[in-house]
Structures are given as structure tokens and as C-alpha cells.
PDB file of all heavy atoms in Angstrom:
ATOM      1  N   THR A   1       9.569  -3.523   2.129  1.00  0.00           N
ATOM      2  CA  THR A   1       9.005  -2.397   2.925  1.00  0.00           C
ATOM      3  C   THR A   1      10.090  -1.441   3.261  1.00  0.00           C
ATOM      4  O   THR A   1      11.118  -1.828   3.802  1.00  0.00           O
ATOM      5  CB  THR A   1       8.409  -2.945   4.206  1.00  0.00           C
ATOM      6  OG1 THR A   1       7.441  -3.968   3.904  1.00  0.00           O
ATOM      7  CG2 THR A   1       7.731  -1.842   4.991  1.00  0.00           C
ATOM      8  N   TYR A   2       9.893  -0.185   2.954  1.00  0.00           N
ATOM      9  CA  TYR A   2      10.852   0.822   3.116  1.00  0.00           C
ATOM     10  C   TYR A   2      10.633   1.713   4.364  1.00  0.00           C
ATOM     11  O   TYR A   2      11.540   2.386   4.817  1.00  0.00           O
ATOM     12  CB  TYR A   2      10.867   1.773   1.882  1.00  0.00           C
ATOM     13  CG  TYR A   2      11.156   1.121   0.558  1.00  0.00           C
ATOM     14  CD1 TYR A   2      10.318   1.191  -0.486  1.00  0.00           C
ATOM     15  CD2 TYR A   2      12.400   0.469   0.443  1.00  0.00           C
ATOM     16  CE1 TYR A   2      10.618   0.578  -1.733  1.00  0.00           C
ATOM     17  CE2 TYR A   2      12.737  -0.145  -0.805  1.00  0.00           C
ATOM     18  CZ  TYR A   2      11.811  -0.057  -1.827  1.00  0.00           C
ATOM     19  OH  TYR A   2      12.103  -0.657  -3.070  1.00  0.00           O
ATOM     20  N   VAL A   3       9.409   1.716   4.867  1.00  0.00           N
ATOM     21  CA  VAL A   3       9.085   2.486   6.058  1.00  0.00           C
ATOM     22  C   VAL A   3       8.654   1.561   7.154  1.00  0.00           C
ATOM     23  O   VAL A   3       7.643   0.848   6.970  1.00  0.00           O
ATOM     24  CB  VAL A   3       7.914   3.509   5.653  1.00  0.00           C
ATOM     25  CG1 VAL A   3       7.486   4.290   6.879  1.00  0.00           C
ATOM     26  CG2 VAL A   3       8.400   4.476   4.572  1.00  0.00           C
ATOM     27  N   ASP A   4       9.393   1.593   8.331  1.00  0.00           N
ATOM     28  CA  ASP A   4       9.034   0.739   9.331  1.00  0.00           C
ATOM     29  C   ASP A   4       7.626   0.914   9.950  1.00  0.00           C
ATOM     30  O   ASP A   4       6.967  -0.086  10.330  1.00  0.00           O
ATOM     31  CB  ASP A   4       9.994   0.913  10.510  1.00  0.00           C
ATOM     32  CG  ASP A   4      11.368   0.382  10.180  1.00  0.00           C
ATOM     33  OD1 ASP A   4      11.499  -0.391   9.282  1.00  0.00           O
ATOM     34  OD2 ASP A   4      12.383   0.778  10.882  1.00  0.00           O
ATOM     35  N   SER A   5       7.111   2.100   9.856  1.00  0.00           N
ATOM     36  CA  SER A   5       5.792   2.378  10.524  1.00  0.00           C
ATOM     37  C   SER A   5       4.601   1.646   9.764  1.00  0.00           C
ATOM     38  O   SER A   5       3.560   1.602  10.343  1.00  0.00           O
ATOM     39  CB  SER A   5       5.535   3.911  10.520  1.00  0.00           C
ATOM     40  OG  SER A   5       5.460   4.391   9.235  1.00  0.00           O
ATOM     41  N   VAL A   6       4.896   1.162   8.546  1.00  0.00           N
ATOM     42  CA  VAL A   6       3.781   0.506   7.807  1.00  0.00           C
ATOM     43  C   VAL A   6       3.815  -1.007   7.968  1.00  0.00           C
ATOM     44  O   VAL A   6       2.979  -1.723   7.493  1.00  0.00           O
ATOM     45  CB  VAL A   6       3.597   0.965   6.321  1.00  0.00           C
ATOM     46  CG1 VAL A   6       3.545   2.463   6.226  1.00  0.00           C
ATOM     47  CG2 VAL A   6       4.752   0.391   5.543  1.00  0.00           C
ATOM     48  N   LYS A   7       4.915  -1.529   8.470  1.00  0.00           N
ATOM     49  CA  LYS A   7       5.046  -2.945   8.618  1.00  0.00           C
ATOM     50  C   LYS A   7       3.937  -3.551   9.375  1.00  0.00           C
ATOM     51  O   LYS A   7       3.622  -3.156  10.491  1.00  0.00           O
ATOM     52  CB  LYS A   7       6.400  -3.285   9.237  1.00  0.00           C
ATOM     53  CG  LYS A   7       7.625  -3.079   8.265  1.00  0.00           C
ATOM     54  CD  LYS A   7       8.921  -3.475   9.033  1.00  0.00           C
ATOM     55  CE  LYS A   7      10.140  -3.307   8.024  1.00  0.00           C
ATOM     56  NZ  LYS A   7      11.428  -3.635   8.703  1.00  0.00           N
ATOM     57  N   GLY A   8       3.333  -4.696   8.822  1.00  0.00           N
ATOM     58  CA  GLY A   8       2.282  -5.362   9.514  1.00  0.00           C
ATOM     59  C   GLY A   8       0.970  -4.687   9.324  1.00  0.00           C
ATOM     60  O   GLY A   8      -0.062  -5.216   9.750  1.00  0.00           O
ATOM     61  N   ARG A   9       0.932  -3.526   8.669  1.00  0.00           N
ATOM     62  CA  ARG A   9      -0.369  -2.770   8.417  1.00  0.00           C
ATOM     63  C   ARG A   9      -0.675  -2.646   6.940  1.00  0.00           C
ATOM     64  O   ARG A   9      -1.832  -2.639   6.526  1.00  0.00           O
ATOM     65  CB  ARG A   9      -0.307  -1.482   9.084  1.00  0.00           C
ATOM     66  CG  ARG A   9      -0.039  -1.388  10.578  1.00  0.00           C
ATOM     67  CD  ARG A   9      -0.310   0.044  11.196  1.00  0.00           C
ATOM     68  NE  ARG A   9       0.659   0.975  10.648  1.00  0.00           N
ATOM     69  CZ  ARG A   9       0.251   2.076  10.037  1.00  0.00           C
ATOM     70  NH1 ARG A   9      -0.981   2.334   9.810  1.00  0.00           N
ATOM     71  NH2 ARG A   9       1.140   2.928   9.597  1.00  0.00           N
ATOM     72  N   PHE A  10       0.389  -2.496   6.148  1.00  0.00           N
ATOM     73  CA  PHE A  10       0.166  -2.323   4.706  1.00  0.00           C
ATOM     74  C   PHE A  10       0.719  -3.488   3.987  1.00  0.00           C
ATOM     75  O   PHE A  10       1.750  -4.123   4.335  1.00  0.00           O
ATOM     76  CB  PHE A  10       0.928  -1.033   4.248  1.00  0.00           C
ATOM     77  CG  PHE A  10       0.422   0.264   4.626  1.00  0.00           C
ATOM     78  CD1 PHE A  10      -0.545   0.466   5.679  1.00  0.00           C
ATOM     79  CD2 PHE A  10       0.849   1.449   4.015  1.00  0.00           C
ATOM     80  CE1 PHE A  10      -1.052   1.617   6.082  1.00  0.00           C
ATOM     81  CE2 PHE A  10       0.337   2.688   4.385  1.00  0.00           C
ATOM     82  CZ  PHE A  10      -0.559   2.781   5.412  1.00  0.00           C
ATOM     83  N   THR A  11       0.046  -3.855   2.863  1.00  0.00           N
ATOM     84  CA  THR A  11       0.635  -4.920   1.999  1.00  0.00           C
ATOM     85  C   THR A  11       0.123  -4.611   0.638  1.00  0.00           C
ATOM     86  O   THR A  11      -0.710  -3.753   0.332  1.00  0.00           O
ATOM     87  CB  THR A  11       0.185  -6.304   2.538  1.00  0.00           C
ATOM     88  OG1 THR A  11       0.935  -7.268   1.782  1.00  0.00           O
ATOM     89  CG2 THR A  11      -1.269  -6.566   2.300  1.00  0.00           C
ATOM     90  N   ILE A  12       0.720  -5.440  -0.315  1.00  0.00           N
ATOM     91  CA  ILE A  12       0.302  -5.249  -1.712  1.00  0.00           C
ATOM     92  C   ILE A  12      -0.323  -6.570  -2.200  1.00  0.00           C
ATOM     93  O   ILE A  12       0.220  -7.653  -1.887  1.00  0.00           O
ATOM     94  CB  ILE A  12       1.496  -4.846  -2.612  1.00  0.00           C
ATOM     95  CG1 ILE A  12       2.132  -3.512  -2.179  1.00  0.00           C
ATOM     96  CG2 ILE A  12       1.237  -4.915  -4.104  1.00  0.00           C
ATOM     97  CD1 ILE A  12       3.352  -3.175  -2.867  1.00  0.00           C
ATOM     98  N   SER A  13      -1.404  -6.479  -2.952  1.00  0.00           N
ATOM     99  CA  SER A  13      -2.006  -7.672  -3.531  1.00  0.00           C
ATOM    100  C   SER A  13      -2.246  -7.412  -4.975  1.00  0.00           C
ATOM    101  O   SER A  13      -2.248  -6.296  -5.483  1.00  0.00           O
ATOM    102  CB  SER A  13      -3.241  -7.983  -2.868  1.00  0.00           C
ATOM    103  OG  SER A  13      -4.262  -6.963  -2.982  1.00  0.00           O
ATOM    104  N   ARG A  14      -2.398  -8.517  -5.797  1.00  0.00           N
ATOM    105  CA  ARG A  14      -2.579  -8.461  -7.181  1.00  0.00           C
ATOM    106  C   ARG A  14      -3.910  -8.961  -7.623  1.00  0.00           C
ATOM    107  O   ARG A  14      -4.518  -9.943  -7.027  1.00  0.00           O
ATOM    108  CB  ARG A  14      -1.559  -9.329  -7.895  1.00  0.00           C
ATOM    109  CG  ARG A  14      -0.037  -8.895  -7.665  1.00  0.00           C
ATOM    110  CD  ARG A  14       0.852  -9.824  -8.403  1.00  0.00           C
ATOM    111  NE  ARG A  14       2.263  -9.671  -8.172  1.00  0.00           N
ATOM    112  CZ  ARG A  14       3.006  -8.775  -8.747  1.00  0.00           C
ATOM    113  NH1 ARG A  14       2.520  -7.949  -9.648  1.00  0.00           N
ATOM    114  NH2 ARG A  14       4.280  -8.767  -8.469  1.00  0.00           N
ATOM    115  N   ALA A  15      -4.423  -8.471  -8.766  1.00  0.00           N
ATOM    116  CA  ALA A  15      -5.541  -9.031  -9.400  1.00  0.00           C
ATOM    117  C   ALA A  15      -5.098  -9.230 -10.857  1.00  0.00           C
ATOM    118  O   ALA A  15      -5.256  -8.316 -11.759  1.00  0.00           O
ATOM    119  CB  ALA A  15      -6.831  -8.156  -9.371  1.00  0.00           C
ATOM    120  N   ASN A  16      -4.457 -10.280 -11.242  1.00  0.00           N
ATOM    121  CA  ASN A  16      -3.790 -10.443 -12.497  1.00  0.00           C
ATOM    122  C   ASN A  16      -4.739 -10.349 -13.643  1.00  0.00           C
ATOM    123  O   ASN A  16      -4.395  -9.800 -14.678  1.00  0.00           O
ATOM    124  CB  ASN A  16      -3.090 -11.838 -12.478  1.00  0.00           C
ATOM    125  CG  ASN A  16      -1.911 -11.879 -11.526  1.00  0.00           C
ATOM    126  OD1 ASN A  16      -1.384 -10.940 -11.122  1.00  0.00           O
ATOM    127  ND2 ASN A  16      -1.564 -13.078 -11.102  1.00  0.00           N
ATOM    128  N   ALA A  17      -5.894 -10.881 -13.527  1.00  0.00           N
ATOM    129  CA  ALA A  17      -6.835 -10.888 -14.614  1.00  0.00           C
ATOM    130  C   ALA A  17      -7.249  -9.497 -14.987  1.00  0.00           C
ATOM    131  O   ALA A  17      -7.680  -9.152 -16.093  1.00  0.00           O
ATOM    132  CB  ALA A  17      -8.060 -11.739 -14.254  1.00  0.00           C
ATOM    133  N   LYS A  18      -7.152  -8.555 -13.944  1.00  0.00           N
ATOM    134  CA  LYS A  18      -7.592  -7.219 -14.160  1.00  0.00           C
ATOM    135  C   LYS A  18      -6.347  -6.233 -14.477  1.00  0.00           C
ATOM    136  O   LYS A  18      -6.487  -5.091 -14.666  1.00  0.00           O
ATOM    137  CB  LYS A  18      -8.263  -6.611 -12.981  1.00  0.00           C
ATOM    138  CG  LYS A  18      -9.577  -7.303 -12.693  1.00  0.00           C
ATOM    139  CD  LYS A  18     -10.319  -6.708 -11.441  1.00  0.00           C
ATOM    140  CE  LYS A  18     -11.676  -7.402 -11.138  1.00  0.00           C
ATOM    141  NZ  LYS A  18     -12.308  -6.843  -9.974  1.00  0.00           N
ATOM    142  N   ASN A  19      -5.185  -6.923 -14.503  1.00  0.00           N
ATOM    143  CA  ASN A  19      -3.976  -6.148 -14.611  1.00  0.00           C
ATOM    144  C   ASN A  19      -3.915  -4.960 -13.629  1.00  0.00           C
ATOM    145  O   ASN A  19      -3.522  -3.814 -13.933  1.00  0.00           O
ATOM    146  CB  ASN A  19      -3.829  -5.535 -16.040  1.00  0.00           C
ATOM    147  CG  ASN A  19      -2.371  -5.289 -16.472  1.00  0.00           C
ATOM    148  OD1 ASN A  19      -1.488  -5.871 -15.852  1.00  0.00           O
ATOM    149  ND2 ASN A  19      -2.184  -4.531 -17.477  1.00  0.00           N
ATOM    150  N   THR A  20      -4.219  -5.274 -12.405  1.00  0.00           N
ATOM    151  CA  THR A  20      -4.421  -4.301 -11.311  1.00  0.00           C
ATOM    152  C   THR A  20      -3.659  -4.819 -10.056  1.00  0.00           C
ATOM    153  O   THR A  20      -3.607  -6.023  -9.788  1.00  0.00           O
ATOM    154  CB  THR A  20      -5.853  -4.103 -10.945  1.00  0.00           C
ATOM    155  OG1 THR A  20      -6.549  -3.585 -12.240  1.00  0.00           O
ATOM    156  CG2 THR A  20      -6.104  -3.137  -9.809  1.00  0.00           C
ATOM    157  N   LEU A  21      -3.170  -3.835  -9.402  1.00  0.00           N
ATOM    158  CA  LEU A  21      -2.423  -4.142  -8.127  1.00  0.00           C
ATOM    159  C   LEU A  21      -3.106  -3.202  -7.018  1.00  0.00           C
ATOM    160  O   LEU A  21      -3.493  -2.145  -7.357  1.00  0.00           O
ATOM    161  CB  LEU A  21      -0.985  -3.807  -8.293  1.00  0.00           C
ATOM    162  CG  LEU A  21       0.030  -4.164  -7.278  1.00  0.00           C
ATOM    163  CD1 LEU A  21       1.309  -4.695  -7.912  1.00  0.00           C
ATOM    164  CD2 LEU A  21       0.314  -2.976  -6.453  1.00  0.00           C
ATOM    165  N   TYR A  22      -3.065  -3.699  -5.791  1.00  0.00           N
ATOM    166  CA  TYR A  22      -3.745  -2.929  -4.763  1.00  0.00           C
ATOM    167  C   TYR A  22      -2.775  -2.678  -3.615  1.00  0.00           C
ATOM    168  O   TYR A  22      -1.923  -3.561  -3.335  1.00  0.00           O
ATOM    169  CB  TYR A  22      -4.911  -3.813  -4.208  1.00  0.00           C
ATOM    170  CG  TYR A  22      -5.922  -4.155  -5.214  1.00  0.00           C
ATOM    171  CD1 TYR A  22      -5.954  -5.422  -5.764  1.00  0.00           C
ATOM    172  CD2 TYR A  22      -6.903  -3.166  -5.650  1.00  0.00           C
ATOM    173  CE1 TYR A  22      -6.920  -5.789  -6.745  1.00  0.00           C
ATOM    174  CE2 TYR A  22      -7.795  -3.608  -6.579  1.00  0.00           C
ATOM    175  CZ  TYR A  22      -7.846  -4.854  -7.120  1.00  0.00           C
ATOM    176  OH  TYR A  22      -8.743  -5.199  -8.089  1.00  0.00           O
ATOM    177  N   LEU A  23      -2.964  -1.565  -2.993  1.00  0.00           N
ATOM    178  CA  LEU A  23      -2.263  -1.304  -1.677  1.00  0.00           C
ATOM    179  C   LEU A  23      -3.373  -1.422  -0.625  1.00  0.00           C
ATOM    180  O   LEU A  23      -4.291  -0.666  -0.571  1.00  0.00           O
ATOM    181  CB  LEU A  23      -1.757   0.187  -1.679  1.00  0.00           C
ATOM    182  CG  LEU A  23      -1.094   0.565  -0.365  1.00  0.00           C
ATOM    183  CD1 LEU A  23       0.109  -0.272  -0.043  1.00  0.00           C
ATOM    184  CD2 LEU A  23      -0.729   1.997  -0.340  1.00  0.00           C
ATOM    185  N   GLU A  24      -3.178  -2.467   0.204  1.00  0.00           N
ATOM    186  CA  GLU A  24      -4.151  -2.767   1.255  1.00  0.00           C
ATOM    187  C   GLU A  24      -3.627  -2.155   2.552  1.00  0.00           C
ATOM    188  O   GLU A  24      -2.427  -2.489   3.001  1.00  0.00           O
ATOM    189  CB  GLU A  24      -4.263  -4.277   1.404  1.00  0.00           C
ATOM    190  CG  GLU A  24      -4.465  -5.107   0.194  1.00  0.00           C
ATOM    191  CD  GLU A  24      -5.986  -5.278  -0.117  1.00  0.00           C
ATOM    192  OE1 GLU A  24      -6.826  -4.715   0.601  1.00  0.00           O
ATOM    193  OE2 GLU A  24      -6.238  -6.039  -1.035  1.00  0.00           O
ATOM    194  N   MET A  25      -4.382  -1.229   3.134  1.00  0.00           N
ATOM    195  CA  MET A  25      -3.945  -0.502   4.288  1.00  0.00           C
ATOM    196  C   MET A  25      -4.915  -0.778   5.425  1.00  0.00           C
ATOM    197  O   MET A  25      -6.152  -0.740   5.298  1.00  0.00           O
ATOM    198  CB  MET A  25      -3.844   0.996   4.015  1.00  0.00           C
ATOM    199  CG  MET A  25      -3.031   1.362   2.857  1.00  0.00           C
ATOM    200  SD  MET A  25      -2.830   3.116   2.591  1.00  0.00           S
ATOM    201  CE  MET A  25      -4.489   3.505   2.074  1.00  0.00           C
ATOM    202  N   SER A  26      -4.391  -1.122   6.638  1.00  0.00           N
ATOM    203  CA  SER A  26      -5.289  -1.349   7.799  1.00  0.00           C
ATOM    204  C   SER A  26      -4.636  -0.650   9.045  1.00  0.00           C
ATOM    205  O   SER A  26      -3.482  -0.135   8.930  1.00  0.00           O
ATOM    206  CB  SER A  26      -5.311  -2.848   8.128  1.00  0.00           C
ATOM    207  OG  SER A  26      -4.098  -3.381   8.329  1.00  0.00           O
ATOM    208  N   SER A  27      -5.428  -0.496  10.050  1.00  0.00           N
ATOM    209  CA  SER A  27      -4.997   0.154  11.281  1.00  0.00           C
ATOM    210  C   SER A  27      -4.382   1.514  10.976  1.00  0.00           C
ATOM    211  O   SER A  27      -3.377   1.914  11.497  1.00  0.00           O
ATOM    212  CB  SER A  27      -3.978  -0.706  12.056  1.00  0.00           C
ATOM    213  OG  SER A  27      -4.473  -1.984  12.357  1.00  0.00           O
ATOM    214  N   LEU A  28      -5.111   2.286  10.148  1.00  0.00           N
ATOM    215  CA  LEU A  28      -4.649   3.524   9.726  1.00  0.00           C
ATOM    216  C   LEU A  28      -4.524   4.516  10.828  1.00  0.00           C
ATOM    217  O   LEU A  28      -5.230   4.523  11.722  1.00  0.00           O
ATOM    218  CB  LEU A  28      -5.532   4.007   8.611  1.00  0.00           C
ATOM    219  CG  LEU A  28      -5.318   3.407   7.217  1.00  0.00           C
ATOM    220  CD1 LEU A  28      -6.517   3.574   6.305  1.00  0.00           C
ATOM    221  CD2 LEU A  28      -4.018   3.906   6.564  1.00  0.00           C
ATOM    222  N   LYS A  29      -3.479   5.386  10.726  1.00  0.00           N
ATOM    223  CA  LYS A  29      -3.147   6.398  11.663  1.00  0.00           C
ATOM    224  C   LYS A  29      -3.131   7.751  10.998  1.00  0.00           C
ATOM    225  O   LYS A  29      -3.017   7.813   9.816  1.00  0.00           O
ATOM    226  CB  LYS A  29      -1.708   6.070  12.269  1.00  0.00           C
ATOM    227  CG  LYS A  29      -1.580   4.789  12.862  1.00  0.00           C
ATOM    228  CD  LYS A  29      -0.134   4.527  13.286  1.00  0.00           C
ATOM    229  CE  LYS A  29       0.024   3.087  13.789  1.00  0.00           C
ATOM    230  NZ  LYS A  29       1.464   2.875  14.252  1.00  0.00           N
ATOM    231  N   ALA A  30      -3.234   8.787  11.791  1.00  0.00           N
ATOM    232  CA  ALA A  30      -3.229  10.153  11.236  1.00  0.00           C
ATOM    233  C   ALA A  30      -2.007  10.454  10.413  1.00  0.00           C
ATOM    234  O   ALA A  30      -2.001  11.107   9.357  1.00  0.00           O
ATOM    235  CB  ALA A  30      -3.364  11.150  12.346  1.00  0.00           C
ATOM    236  N   GLU A  31      -0.878   9.829  10.825  1.00  0.00           N
ATOM    237  CA  GLU A  31       0.322  10.140  10.089  1.00  0.00           C
ATOM    238  C   GLU A  31       0.472   9.343   8.762  1.00  0.00           C
ATOM    239  O   GLU A  31       1.416   9.529   8.063  1.00  0.00           O
ATOM    240  CB  GLU A  31       1.588   9.698  10.924  1.00  0.00           C
ATOM    241  CG  GLU A  31       1.470   8.369  11.595  1.00  0.00           C
ATOM    242  CD  GLU A  31       1.007   8.333  13.000  1.00  0.00           C
ATOM    243  OE1 GLU A  31       0.020   9.054  13.282  1.00  0.00           O
ATOM    244  OE2 GLU A  31       1.589   7.554  13.834  1.00  0.00           O
ATOM    245  N   ASP A  32      -0.574   8.575   8.499  1.00  0.00           N
ATOM    246  CA  ASP A  32      -0.639   7.978   7.150  1.00  0.00           C
ATOM    247  C   ASP A  32      -1.247   8.837   6.094  1.00  0.00           C
ATOM    248  O   ASP A  32      -1.282   8.546   4.901  1.00  0.00           O
ATOM    249  CB  ASP A  32      -1.422   6.603   7.225  1.00  0.00           C
ATOM    250  CG  ASP A  32      -0.762   5.600   7.993  1.00  0.00           C
ATOM    251  OD1 ASP A  32       0.551   5.387   7.979  1.00  0.00           O
ATOM    252  OD2 ASP A  32      -1.500   4.908   8.802  1.00  0.00           O
ATOM    253  N   THR A  33      -1.740  10.000   6.507  1.00  0.00           N
ATOM    254  CA  THR A  33      -2.320  10.935   5.723  1.00  0.00           C
ATOM    255  C   THR A  33      -1.327  11.411   4.573  1.00  0.00           C
ATOM    256  O   THR A  33      -0.207  11.700   4.906  1.00  0.00           O
ATOM    257  CB  THR A  33      -2.870  12.160   6.381  1.00  0.00           C
ATOM    258  OG1 THR A  33      -3.955  11.646   7.255  1.00  0.00           O
ATOM    259  CG2 THR A  33      -3.371  13.259   5.520  1.00  0.00           C
ATOM    260  N   GLY A  34      -1.786  11.522   3.396  1.00  0.00           N
ATOM    261  CA  GLY A  34      -0.980  11.980   2.290  1.00  0.00           C
ATOM    262  C   GLY A  34      -1.486  11.590   0.913  1.00  0.00           C
ATOM    263  O   GLY A  34      -2.603  10.974   0.812  1.00  0.00           O
ATOM    264  N   VAL A  35      -0.775  11.963  -0.073  1.00  0.00           N
ATOM    265  CA  VAL A  35      -1.071  11.595  -1.446  1.00  0.00           C
ATOM    266  C   VAL A  35      -0.244  10.286  -1.780  1.00  0.00           C
ATOM    267  O   VAL A  35       0.968  10.282  -1.579  1.00  0.00           O
ATOM    268  CB  VAL A  35      -0.766  12.677  -2.470  1.00  0.00           C
ATOM    269  CG1 VAL A  35      -1.147  12.182  -3.852  1.00  0.00           C
ATOM    270  CG2 VAL A  35      -1.533  13.955  -2.119  1.00  0.00           C
ATOM    271  N   TYR A  36      -0.923   9.266  -2.214  1.00  0.00           N
ATOM    272  CA  TYR A  36      -0.274   8.004  -2.517  1.00  0.00           C
ATOM    273  C   TYR A  36      -0.230   7.825  -4.042  1.00  0.00           C
ATOM    274  O   TYR A  36      -1.143   8.100  -4.805  1.00  0.00           O
ATOM    275  CB  TYR A  36      -1.116   6.874  -1.966  1.00  0.00           C
ATOM    276  CG  TYR A  36      -1.048   6.757  -0.393  1.00  0.00           C
ATOM    277  CD1 TYR A  36      -1.543   7.739   0.437  1.00  0.00           C
ATOM    278  CD2 TYR A  36      -0.238   5.768   0.188  1.00  0.00           C
ATOM    279  CE1 TYR A  36      -1.372   7.659   1.886  1.00  0.00           C
ATOM    280  CE2 TYR A  36      -0.123   5.639   1.532  1.00  0.00           C
ATOM    281  CZ  TYR A  36      -0.685   6.572   2.338  1.00  0.00           C
ATOM    282  OH  TYR A  36      -0.504   6.451   3.746  1.00  0.00           O
ATOM    283  N   TYR A  37       0.972   7.299  -4.462  1.00  0.00           N
ATOM    284  CA  TYR A  37       1.262   7.047  -5.834  1.00  0.00           C
ATOM    285  C   TYR A  37       1.685   5.655  -6.082  1.00  0.00           C
ATOM    286  O   TYR A  37       2.484   5.118  -5.323  1.00  0.00           O
ATOM    287  CB  TYR A  37       2.421   7.959  -6.316  1.00  0.00           C
ATOM    288  CG  TYR A  37       2.051   9.477  -6.238  1.00  0.00           C
ATOM    289  CD1 TYR A  37       2.342  10.155  -5.107  1.00  0.00           C
ATOM    290  CD2 TYR A  37       1.624  10.192  -7.358  1.00  0.00           C
ATOM    291  CE1 TYR A  37       2.140  11.504  -4.980  1.00  0.00           C
ATOM    292  CE2 TYR A  37       1.352  11.503  -7.253  1.00  0.00           C
ATOM    293  CZ  TYR A  37       1.637  12.158  -6.042  1.00  0.00           C
ATOM    294  OH  TYR A  37       1.405  13.564  -5.986  1.00  0.00           O
ATOM    295  N   CYS A  38       1.253   5.013  -7.115  1.00  0.00           N
ATOM    296  CA  CYS A  38       1.897   3.795  -7.547  1.00  0.00           C
ATOM    297  C   CYS A  38       2.744   4.099  -8.799  1.00  0.00           C
ATOM    298  O   CYS A  38       2.562   5.119  -9.472  1.00  0.00           O
ATOM    299  CB  CYS A  38       0.832   2.723  -7.939  1.00  0.00           C
ATOM    300  SG  CYS A  38      -0.268   3.098  -9.348  1.00  0.00           S
ATOM    301  N   ALA A  39       3.794   3.190  -8.925  1.00  0.00           N
ATOM    302  CA  ALA A  39       4.729   3.461 -10.021  1.00  0.00           C
ATOM    303  C   ALA A  39       5.327   2.185 -10.431  1.00  0.00           C
ATOM    304  O   ALA A  39       5.602   1.313  -9.675  1.00  0.00           O
ATOM    305  CB  ALA A  39       5.837   4.443  -9.555  1.00  0.00           C
ATOM    306  N   ALA A  40       5.578   2.069 -11.715  1.00  0.00           N
ATOM    307  CA  ALA A  40       6.194   0.863 -12.345  1.00  0.00           C
ATOM    308  C   ALA A  40       7.707   1.094 -12.574  1.00  0.00           C
ATOM    309  O   ALA A  40       8.123   2.067 -13.148  1.00  0.00           O
ATOM    310  CB  ALA A  40       5.490   0.591 -13.662  1.00  0.00           C
ATOM    311  N   ASN A  41       8.396   0.155 -12.048  1.00  0.00           N
ATOM    312  CA  ASN A  41       9.848   0.165 -12.220  1.00  0.00           C
ATOM    313  C   ASN A  41      10.249  -0.197 -13.572  1.00  0.00           C
ATOM    314  O   ASN A  41       9.485  -0.859 -14.347  1.00  0.00           O
ATOM    315  CB  ASN A  41      10.507  -0.794 -11.157  1.00  0.00           C
ATOM    316  CG  ASN A  41      11.998  -0.614 -11.003  1.00  0.00           C
ATOM    317  OD1 ASN A  41      12.831  -1.033 -11.814  1.00  0.00           O
ATOM    318  ND2 ASN A  41      12.327   0.126  -9.931  1.00  0.00           N
TER     319      ASN A  41
END
């Protein structure tokens, strides 16, 4: 986790059979507004 404000609220999960990854976000706040990108290292 790189941003303290998302600790305990955001996590990442996988669906291996679908070759898909998810960003799970809860307790969302106005400051979470933005454009979200996933990226492969």
C-alpha cells in the first residue's frame, strides 16, 4: 500500500480463471474521486 488513506478500505483480489484482477474499494470518500488505472509491472 502506497497511500495511507486507503489502508483498511482498499484491497486487491484475483480471479485467476478469468485472468482478471480487482480493486475492491469500500468506505469511499470524496477524496477517492479520480481516474483509476491498473498496470502490469
